Amino acid sequence: MSDKESPIINNSMEVDEEIQRALSWDKSGLQQWEGFWSNPTITKAAMIFKSTFKSAPNDVLLASSMRTGTTWLKAICACIMQGNCKEEEDLLVKDNPHFHVPTIEAMDYFTKTPAQDLYTMPSPRLFHTHLPVRVLPDSIKNSDNCKIIYIARNPKDTLISMWHFFNYNNKCSENLFSLEEAVESFCNGVHLYGPFFEHVLEYWEESKKKPQKILFLKYEDLKLDPKKEVKKIALFLGKPFDNEEDPEIVLKKCSLERLKNLEVNKCGSVITTVHNNSFFRKGIVGDWKNQLTLEMKEKIDKITSLKLQRSGLEL
């Protein structure tokens, strides 16, 4: 971020005198801005992104809440946008999916510069955000040529995946976050990029208004019928497959098992303090059944029913 852009941050922070602070699951300070929770670095980057980013024709923004299938979606879309299925040109062997499809508001955390600067790279650009619809730049929201793919996941599996992710990346800490605390924070919406339900519903409502602009995916559908969903993604991106073999090749290259066993994902970090191997855990549907008590399940189900009522969305 340049010195020229700094005043945007300072002015915005001075105006918002009621920024609240809380403790996130990874024990770092959170602040609330525009109704969602993030840490100070991400908030500043989001402010600059919102104020300065200009979309270009054929931009593709992947969006998600945390731990809802982001890494898998990034890998799939990077392969499809690459436009070929040749093994010798496999980007995923060279770097973690988060390197090739960076999360734009978290770029200050990258241990090395992503493939290209998103603000200057030629179209079509492929990038990602965990930010809610409400704080996206107007140039993205108002453009008919900038497409968005959003992926959602069952809230109970999302919660469990987040809990493991934060604790794994803070395993050296003496004060790991308990599951009871995680459930409480998740239901209250006080967690990184939370609240979860408002985040999902914003993209869901926008996808109903503009289906040609926003493709709303469910992680469970991608697991149940991956070939069908990958074809849908490719068609939405304007890169339909030429034959029946290509989606199979993409899915094989992007499978959790393969990504987990690639040398580049076994060690190192593409994002500061986040181990590459922490992006690949079980990736199964229903793992929450092995973790949550009946009381926890009922608590989450109750808030889910309350938040999603009359929306037409089922998670």
Protein backbone atom coordinates (compact mmCIF):
# COMPACT_ATOMS: atom_id res chain seq x y z
CA MET A 1 0.00 0.00 0.00
CA SER A 2 1.49 3.31 -1.05
CA ASP A 3 1.88 6.47 1.02
CA LYS A 4 -0.58 8.07 -1.35
CA GLU A 5 -3.26 5.65 -0.19
CA SER A 6 -2.56 6.02 3.53
CA PRO A 7 -4.90 9.00 4.13
CA ILE A 8 -7.84 6.81 3.09
CA ILE A 9 -7.07 4.54 6.00
CA ASN A 10 -6.40 7.29 8.53
CA ASN A 11 -9.47 9.34 7.67
CA SER A 12 -11.77 6.32 7.73
CA MET A 13 -10.43 5.16 11.07
CA GLU A 14 -10.84 8.63 12.62
CA VAL A 15 -14.43 8.96 11.43
CA ASP A 16 -15.46 5.58 12.83
CA GLU A 17 -15.13 6.41 16.53
CA GLU A 18 -17.31 3.51 17.65
CA ILE A 19 -15.08 0.69 16.35
CA GLN A 20 -15.52 -2.12 18.84
CA ARG A 21 -12.82 -4.54 19.85
CA ALA A 22 -13.11 -8.21 20.67
CA LEU A 23 -10.94 -11.28 20.88
CA SER A 24 -10.83 -13.58 17.88
CA TRP A 25 -10.34 -17.32 17.95
CA ASP A 26 -6.67 -16.89 17.11
CA LYS A 27 -6.31 -14.57 20.11
CA SER A 28 -5.64 -11.44 18.04
CA GLY A 29 -7.62 -8.23 18.34
CA LEU A 30 -10.72 -7.86 16.19
CA GLN A 31 -12.57 -4.69 15.31
CA GLN A 32 -16.00 -4.16 13.82
CA TRP A 33 -16.35 -2.10 10.67
CA GLU A 34 -19.45 -1.84 8.47
CA GLY A 35 -21.07 -4.57 10.57
CA PHE A 36 -18.42 -7.27 10.14
CA TRP A 37 -15.42 -8.31 12.23
CA SER A 38 -11.79 -8.25 11.10
CA ASN A 39 -8.39 -7.33 12.44
CA PRO A 40 -6.90 -3.84 11.95
CA THR A 41 -4.68 -4.82 9.00
CA ILE A 42 -7.53 -6.40 7.07
CA THR A 43 -9.86 -3.50 7.89
CA LYS A 44 -7.39 -0.97 6.49
CA ALA A 45 -6.84 -3.06 3.36
CA ALA A 46 -10.61 -3.44 2.92
CA MET A 47 -11.07 0.32 3.15
CA ILE A 48 -8.48 0.90 0.45
CA PHE A 49 -9.93 -1.89 -1.69
CA LYS A 50 -13.40 -0.41 -1.41
CA SER A 51 -12.24 3.13 -2.16
CA THR A 52 -9.70 2.60 -4.93
CA PHE A 53 -10.28 -0.66 -6.80
CA LYS A 54 -11.58 -0.34 -10.35
CA SER A 55 -12.90 -3.50 -11.94
CA ALA A 56 -11.99 -4.40 -15.50
CA PRO A 57 -14.00 -6.34 -18.07
CA ASN A 58 -13.96 -10.09 -17.43
CA ASP A 59 -12.70 -9.81 -13.83
CA VAL A 60 -13.64 -12.85 -11.73
CA LEU A 61 -14.02 -12.50 -7.97
CA LEU A 62 -14.28 -15.63 -5.84
CA ALA A 63 -15.97 -14.95 -2.50
CA SER A 64 -16.59 -16.96 0.64
CA SER A 65 -16.80 -16.91 4.37
CA MET A 66 -13.90 -18.67 6.07
CA ARG A 67 -13.45 -22.46 5.80
CA THR A 68 -16.28 -23.11 3.36
CA GLY A 69 -14.30 -24.67 0.52
CA THR A 70 -12.25 -21.62 -0.49
CA THR A 71 -9.01 -23.47 -1.25
CA TRP A 72 -10.80 -26.07 -3.38
CA LEU A 73 -12.68 -23.39 -5.31
CA LYS A 74 -9.48 -21.43 -5.91
CA ALA A 75 -7.73 -24.51 -7.27
CA ILE A 76 -10.64 -25.41 -9.57
CA CYS A 77 -11.05 -21.91 -10.97
CA ALA A 78 -7.31 -21.43 -11.47
CA CYS A 79 -7.22 -24.64 -13.53
CA ILE A 80 -10.26 -23.67 -15.58
CA MET A 81 -9.00 -20.13 -16.23
CA GLN A 82 -5.60 -21.50 -17.22
CA GLY A 83 -7.41 -23.02 -20.18
CA ASN A 84 -5.66 -26.36 -20.46
CA CYS A 85 -5.28 -29.64 -18.63
CA LYS A 86 -1.65 -30.49 -19.41
CA GLU A 87 0.21 -31.89 -16.42
CA GLU A 88 3.48 -30.13 -17.32
CA GLU A 89 1.70 -26.78 -17.10
CA ASP A 90 0.05 -27.51 -13.76
CA LEU A 91 0.17 -24.35 -11.63
CA LEU A 92 -0.79 -26.25 -8.50
CA VAL A 93 2.48 -28.19 -8.45
CA LYS A 94 4.42 -24.93 -8.25
CA ASP A 95 2.52 -23.07 -5.54
CA ASN A 96 -0.37 -23.24 -3.09
CA PRO A 97 -3.77 -22.23 -4.59
CA HIS A 98 -3.79 -19.13 -2.36
CA PHE A 99 -0.67 -17.89 -4.15
CA HIS A 100 -2.31 -18.08 -7.57
CA VAL A 101 -5.67 -16.68 -6.42
CA PRO A 102 -4.78 -14.27 -3.62
CA THR A 103 -7.27 -12.94 -1.10
CA ILE A 104 -7.01 -9.27 -1.94
CA GLU A 105 -7.64 -7.75 1.52
CA ALA A 106 -5.08 -10.13 3.06
CA MET A 107 -2.23 -9.48 0.63
CA ASP A 108 -0.17 -7.76 3.33
CA TYR A 109 0.12 -11.18 4.96
CA PHE A 110 1.62 -12.92 1.92
CA THR A 111 5.15 -14.19 2.48
CA LYS A 112 5.95 -13.56 -1.18
CA THR A 113 4.30 -11.45 -3.87
CA PRO A 114 1.44 -13.23 -5.63
CA ALA A 115 1.84 -14.15 -9.30
CA GLN A 116 0.94 -10.60 -10.37
CA ASP A 117 -0.16 -7.32 -8.83
CA LEU A 118 -3.97 -7.44 -8.96
CA TYR A 119 -4.20 -3.69 -9.45
CA THR A 120 -2.12 -3.75 -12.64
CA MET A 121 -2.40 -7.25 -14.10
CA PRO A 122 -4.13 -7.59 -17.47
CA SER A 123 -7.67 -8.88 -17.83
CA PRO A 124 -9.08 -11.38 -17.09
CA ARG A 125 -8.12 -11.18 -13.42
CA LEU A 126 -8.94 -13.92 -10.93
CA PHE A 127 -8.88 -12.99 -7.26
CA HIS A 128 -10.68 -13.73 -3.99
CA THR A 129 -12.21 -12.02 -0.98
CA HIS A 130 -13.72 -12.99 2.37
CA LEU A 131 -15.40 -9.58 2.56
CA PRO A 132 -19.20 -9.27 2.63
CA VAL A 133 -21.11 -7.77 -0.29
CA ARG A 134 -21.73 -4.52 1.57
CA VAL A 135 -18.06 -3.45 1.49
CA LEU A 136 -17.16 -4.55 -2.05
CA PRO A 137 -16.03 -1.70 -4.32
CA ASP A 138 -18.88 -0.12 -6.30
CA SER A 139 -16.97 -0.84 -9.49
CA ILE A 140 -17.39 -4.56 -8.78
CA LYS A 141 -20.98 -4.41 -7.57
CA ASN A 142 -22.18 -2.20 -10.41
CA SER A 143 -20.30 -3.84 -13.25
CA ASP A 144 -22.17 -6.25 -15.51
CA ASN A 145 -18.87 -7.68 -16.75
CA CYS A 146 -17.30 -8.57 -13.39
CA LYS A 147 -18.48 -12.02 -12.28
CA ILE A 148 -18.62 -13.35 -8.72
CA ILE A 149 -18.59 -16.98 -7.59
CA TYR A 150 -19.61 -17.51 -3.96
CA ILE A 151 -19.30 -20.78 -2.06
CA ALA A 152 -21.28 -21.53 1.12
CA ARG A 153 -21.18 -24.49 3.50
CA ASN A 154 -23.20 -26.04 6.29
CA PRO A 155 -22.64 -23.81 9.35
CA LYS A 156 -21.79 -26.70 11.69
CA ASP A 157 -19.05 -28.03 9.38
CA THR A 158 -17.86 -24.45 8.80
CA LEU A 159 -17.56 -23.91 12.55
CA ILE A 160 -15.61 -27.12 13.13
CA SER A 161 -13.26 -26.40 10.25
CA MET A 162 -12.60 -22.86 11.54
CA TRP A 163 -11.96 -24.14 15.06
CA HIS A 164 -9.39 -26.69 13.89
CA PHE A 165 -7.80 -24.18 11.50
CA PHE A 166 -7.22 -21.47 14.11
CA ASN A 167 -6.04 -23.87 16.80
CA TYR A 168 -3.68 -25.67 14.40
CA ASN A 169 -2.05 -22.40 13.36
CA ASN A 170 -1.75 -21.38 17.01
CA LYS A 171 -0.70 -24.76 18.37
CA CYS A 172 2.34 -23.23 20.05
CA SER A 173 0.04 -21.06 22.15
CA GLU A 174 -0.81 -22.12 25.69
CA ASN A 175 -4.35 -20.79 25.39
CA LEU A 176 -6.06 -22.63 22.56
CA PHE A 177 -9.69 -21.75 21.93
CA SER A 178 -12.12 -24.30 23.36
CA LEU A 179 -14.94 -25.70 21.25
CA GLU A 180 -17.46 -24.27 23.71
CA GLU A 181 -15.99 -20.78 23.20
CA ALA A 182 -15.96 -21.29 19.43
CA VAL A 183 -19.63 -22.23 19.33
CA GLU A 184 -20.54 -19.22 21.44
CA SER A 185 -18.54 -16.81 19.26
CA PHE A 186 -19.87 -18.33 16.04
CA CYS A 187 -23.48 -18.03 17.12
CA ASN A 188 -22.88 -14.45 18.30
CA GLY A 189 -21.20 -13.64 14.98
CA VAL A 190 -17.99 -12.42 16.64
CA HIS A 191 -15.23 -14.05 14.60
CA LEU A 192 -12.99 -13.15 11.68
CA TYR A 193 -15.22 -12.02 8.77
CA GLY A 194 -18.31 -12.72 10.86
CA PRO A 195 -21.20 -12.80 11.33
CA PHE A 196 -21.44 -15.94 9.18
CA PHE A 197 -25.16 -15.94 8.40
CA GLU A 198 -25.34 -12.30 7.33
CA HIS A 199 -22.30 -12.90 5.11
CA VAL A 200 -23.96 -15.84 3.33
CA LEU A 201 -27.36 -14.19 3.04
CA GLU A 202 -25.98 -11.03 1.41
CA TYR A 203 -24.45 -13.04 -1.43
CA TRP A 204 -27.52 -15.30 -1.64
CA GLU A 205 -29.88 -12.35 -2.06
CA GLU A 206 -27.62 -10.73 -4.65
CA SER A 207 -27.35 -13.98 -6.59
CA LYS A 208 -31.14 -14.16 -6.82
CA LYS A 209 -31.27 -10.60 -8.17
CA LYS A 210 -28.35 -11.05 -10.60
CA PRO A 211 -27.91 -14.76 -11.45
CA GLN A 212 -25.94 -13.86 -14.56
CA LYS A 213 -23.42 -12.01 -12.37
CA ILE A 214 -23.24 -14.10 -9.19
CA LEU A 215 -23.00 -17.89 -9.13
CA PHE A 216 -23.96 -19.21 -5.69
CA LEU A 217 -22.46 -22.63 -4.90
CA LYS A 218 -22.81 -25.00 -1.98
CA TYR A 219 -19.86 -27.05 -0.78
CA GLU A 220 -22.14 -30.03 -0.25
CA ASP A 221 -23.31 -29.94 -3.90
CA LEU A 222 -19.70 -29.82 -5.06
CA LYS A 223 -18.96 -32.92 -2.98
CA LEU A 224 -22.12 -34.75 -4.05
CA ASP A 225 -21.80 -34.20 -7.81
CA PRO A 226 -18.43 -32.55 -8.48
CA LYS A 227 -18.47 -33.08 -12.24
CA LYS A 228 -21.83 -31.33 -12.62
CA GLU A 229 -20.76 -28.40 -10.44
CA VAL A 230 -17.38 -27.99 -12.15
CA LYS A 231 -19.13 -27.90 -15.54
CA LYS A 232 -21.42 -25.21 -14.12
CA ILE A 233 -18.42 -23.18 -12.94
CA ALA A 234 -16.65 -23.48 -16.30
CA LEU A 235 -19.76 -22.41 -18.21
CA PHE A 236 -20.29 -19.44 -15.87
CA LEU A 237 -16.66 -18.39 -16.43
CA GLY A 238 -17.19 -18.50 -20.18
CA LYS A 239 -14.79 -21.42 -20.54
CA PRO A 240 -16.98 -24.49 -21.13
CA PHE A 241 -15.18 -27.80 -21.45
CA ASP A 242 -14.57 -29.21 -24.93
CA ASN A 243 -15.12 -32.82 -23.92
CA GLU A 244 -16.18 -35.08 -21.04
CA GLU A 245 -12.60 -35.83 -20.02
CA ASP A 246 -11.56 -32.28 -19.15
CA PRO A 247 -13.76 -31.85 -16.03
CA GLU A 248 -12.46 -35.22 -14.77
CA ILE A 249 -8.88 -34.03 -15.25
CA VAL A 250 -9.57 -30.76 -13.40
CA LEU A 251 -11.18 -32.60 -10.50
CA LYS A 252 -8.31 -35.06 -10.28
CA LYS A 253 -5.74 -32.25 -10.25
CA CYS A 254 -7.71 -30.35 -7.60
CA SER A 255 -8.67 -33.25 -5.33
CA LEU A 256 -8.01 -32.75 -1.63
CA GLU A 257 -5.89 -35.89 -1.48
CA ARG A 258 -3.64 -34.75 -4.33
CA LEU A 259 -3.31 -31.18 -3.07
CA LYS A 260 -2.54 -32.42 0.43
CA ASN A 261 0.28 -34.60 -0.87
CA LEU A 262 1.91 -32.06 -3.16
CA GLU A 263 5.30 -31.09 -1.78
CA VAL A 264 4.48 -27.37 -1.94
CA ASN A 265 1.57 -27.89 0.47
CA LYS A 266 3.34 -30.14 2.97
CA CYS A 267 5.45 -27.35 4.40
CA GLY A 268 6.00 -23.63 4.32
CA SER A 269 3.55 -20.74 4.33
CA VAL A 270 2.17 -18.63 1.52
CA ILE A 271 0.41 -16.47 4.13
CA THR A 272 2.17 -15.29 7.29
CA THR A 273 1.52 -17.48 10.38
CA VAL A 274 -0.65 -19.87 8.32
CA HIS A 275 0.87 -23.24 7.49
CA ASN A 276 0.17 -24.45 3.95
CA ASN A 277 -0.85 -27.89 5.21
CA SER A 278 -3.52 -26.36 7.46
CA PHE A 279 -5.65 -25.62 4.38
CA PHE A 280 -6.15 -29.35 3.82
CA ARG A 281 -7.81 -31.27 6.65
CA LYS A 282 -10.66 -33.75 6.07
CA GLY A 283 -12.89 -31.86 3.67
CA ILE A 284 -15.82 -34.18 4.35
CA VAL A 285 -19.48 -33.41 4.80
CA GLY A 286 -20.88 -34.02 8.30
CA ASP A 287 -17.64 -34.05 10.28
CA TRP A 288 -19.41 -31.91 12.87
CA LYS A 289 -21.17 -35.08 14.08
CA ASN A 290 -17.84 -36.28 15.49
CA GLN A 291 -17.20 -33.03 17.35
CA LEU A 292 -20.33 -31.25 18.56
CA THR A 293 -22.42 -32.22 21.56
CA LEU A 294 -26.20 -32.44 21.18
CA GLU A 295 -26.55 -29.15 23.04
CA MET A 296 -24.08 -27.44 20.69
CA LYS A 297 -25.86 -28.85 17.64
CA GLU A 298 -29.24 -27.62 18.83
CA LYS A 299 -27.82 -24.17 19.61
CA ILE A 300 -26.41 -23.81 16.08
CA ASP A 301 -29.51 -25.28 14.44
CA LYS A 302 -31.69 -22.80 16.31
CA ILE A 303 -29.71 -19.75 15.16
CA THR A 304 -29.51 -21.20 11.63
CA SER A 305 -33.29 -21.62 11.44
CA LEU A 306 -33.82 -18.12 12.80
CA LYS A 307 -31.37 -16.44 10.42
CA LEU A 308 -32.38 -18.28 7.24
CA GLN A 309 -36.13 -18.24 7.71
CA ARG A 310 -38.06 -16.99 4.68
CA SER A 311 -34.81 -16.65 2.68
CA GLY A 312 -35.34 -19.80 0.61
CA LEU A 313 -31.77 -20.87 1.42
CA GLU A 314 -30.99 -24.20 3.07
CA LEU A 315 -27.56 -25.00 4.48
